[in-house]
Amino acid sequence: MLSTTRKFALLAALGIASAGAAYAPTAAAGVVVDVGIDVAPPAPQYEVIPPPRAGFVWAPGYWRWEGHRHVWVGGNWIPVRPGYVYHQARWERHHDGWHLHEGSWGR
C-alpha cells in the first residue's frame, strides 16, 4: 500500500509526463495545395514603403485568393536571412488558371 505522500508524488509525476506528452510537438507533413483559379488578380495596390530597417527586407503586398475573391495583403518588413534572397509573392498563369506563388527565401 502506498503512503499519501508517495501517491501524491506518483500522481504529480504522471501529470507532468502527460502534460509534456500533450505539449510535445509532433512531426507534421507539409502539405501544399496549388489550385488554379480563372480570375486574374487585380493590379497591385500602391504602397508607401516605410523607411528601411536594419536587418529586415521589405516584402511587398500581394493579392491573396479567398474562395471567391481577391483580398489585398499589405506589405511588411521581415527579418533578413543571411545567405538568402527574398522572392516576393507573385501570380503566374498556367493552363488551368492563375496560381499564387507565396513569398519565399532562396539561395
Protein backbone atom coordinates (compact mmCIF):
# COMPACT_ATOMS: atom_id res chain seq x y z
CA MET A 1 0.00 0.00 0.00
CA LEU A 2 1.31 3.46 -0.95
CA SER A 3 1.54 6.26 1.56
CA THR A 4 -0.30 9.52 0.86
CA THR A 5 3.00 11.27 0.10
CA ARG A 6 4.02 8.58 -2.40
CA LYS A 7 0.58 8.64 -4.04
CA PHE A 8 0.83 12.41 -4.43
CA ALA A 9 4.36 12.13 -5.89
CA LEU A 10 3.23 9.44 -8.32
CA LEU A 11 0.19 11.46 -9.42
CA ALA A 12 2.34 14.59 -9.83
CA ALA A 13 4.87 12.68 -11.95
CA LEU A 14 2.08 11.26 -14.13
CA GLY A 15 0.55 14.71 -14.50
CA ILE A 16 3.85 16.24 -15.59
CA ALA A 17 4.53 13.38 -18.01
CA SER A 18 1.10 13.62 -19.57
CA ALA A 19 1.33 17.41 -19.86
CA GLY A 20 4.69 17.06 -21.57
CA ALA A 21 3.31 14.49 -23.98
CA ALA A 22 0.39 16.77 -24.82
CA TYR A 23 2.76 19.68 -25.40
CA ALA A 24 5.42 17.78 -27.38
CA PRO A 25 5.44 18.94 -30.99
CA THR A 26 4.53 16.28 -33.47
CA ALA A 27 6.06 15.86 -36.89
CA ALA A 28 3.66 17.22 -39.46
CA ALA A 29 3.91 16.67 -43.16
CA GLY A 30 4.00 19.91 -45.13
CA VAL A 31 1.02 20.00 -47.42
CA VAL A 32 0.82 22.42 -50.29
CA VAL A 33 -2.41 22.82 -52.20
CA ASP A 34 -1.97 24.55 -55.53
CA VAL A 35 -5.27 25.33 -57.20
CA GLY A 36 -5.64 27.31 -60.39
CA ILE A 37 -8.35 29.98 -60.45
CA ASP A 38 -9.93 31.56 -63.51
CA VAL A 39 -9.90 35.10 -62.11
CA ALA A 40 -6.75 37.13 -62.77
CA PRO A 41 -5.51 39.15 -59.82
CA PRO A 42 -6.07 42.92 -59.95
CA ALA A 43 -3.13 45.26 -60.43
CA PRO A 44 -1.02 45.62 -57.28
CA GLN A 45 -2.09 48.38 -54.93
CA TYR A 46 0.23 51.32 -54.39
CA GLU A 47 2.04 51.06 -51.07
CA VAL A 48 4.14 53.67 -49.32
CA ILE A 49 7.19 51.74 -48.19
CA PRO A 50 8.31 52.78 -44.71
CA PRO A 51 11.95 53.82 -44.20
CA PRO A 52 14.45 50.91 -44.32
CA ARG A 53 15.04 48.90 -41.15
CA ALA A 54 18.44 47.36 -40.45
CA GLY A 55 18.22 43.57 -40.51
CA PHE A 56 14.91 43.49 -42.41
CA VAL A 57 13.78 43.26 -46.03
CA TRP A 58 10.54 44.67 -47.44
CA ALA A 59 8.04 42.01 -48.58
CA PRO A 60 5.66 43.85 -50.95
CA GLY A 61 1.92 43.40 -50.68
CA TYR A 62 0.05 40.98 -52.94
CA TRP A 63 -3.43 39.74 -53.77
CA ARG A 64 -4.49 36.53 -51.98
CA TRP A 65 -7.44 34.43 -53.20
CA GLU A 66 -10.09 33.84 -50.53
CA GLY A 67 -12.51 31.37 -52.04
CA HIS A 68 -14.46 33.74 -54.27
CA ARG A 69 -12.46 36.97 -54.48
CA HIS A 70 -9.01 38.50 -54.26
CA VAL A 71 -8.07 40.20 -50.97
CA TRP A 72 -5.11 42.55 -50.62
CA VAL A 73 -2.39 41.58 -48.13
CA GLY A 74 -0.30 44.62 -47.24
CA GLY A 75 3.49 44.55 -47.40
CA ASN A 76 5.61 44.27 -44.28
CA TRP A 77 9.18 44.09 -43.05
CA ILE A 78 10.51 40.57 -42.50
CA PRO A 79 13.80 39.57 -40.84
CA VAL A 80 16.73 39.08 -43.22
CA ARG A 81 18.08 35.54 -43.62
CA PRO A 82 21.83 35.82 -44.24
CA GLY A 83 22.86 33.99 -47.40
CA TYR A 84 19.32 34.04 -48.84
CA VAL A 85 17.41 36.27 -51.23
CA TYR A 86 13.73 37.04 -50.74
CA HIS A 87 11.44 36.28 -53.72
CA GLN A 88 8.22 38.23 -53.43
CA ALA A 89 4.78 36.64 -53.86
CA ARG A 90 3.60 36.52 -57.46
CA TRP A 91 0.80 35.16 -59.62
CA GLU A 92 1.52 33.05 -62.70
CA ARG A 93 -0.82 32.00 -65.48
CA HIS A 94 -0.88 28.24 -66.18
CA HIS A 95 -3.02 26.04 -68.43
CA ASP A 96 -5.51 25.51 -65.59
CA GLY A 97 -5.73 29.13 -64.39
CA TRP A 98 -3.84 31.54 -62.16
CA HIS A 99 -1.53 30.21 -59.43
CA LEU A 100 -0.14 32.15 -56.46
CA HIS A 101 3.50 31.56 -55.52
CA GLU A 102 3.87 32.75 -51.93
CA GLY A 103 6.87 34.88 -50.96
CA SER A 104 9.86 32.68 -50.14
CA TRP A 105 13.57 32.63 -49.47
CA GLY A 106 16.08 31.13 -51.92
CA ARG A 107 19.81 30.94 -52.36
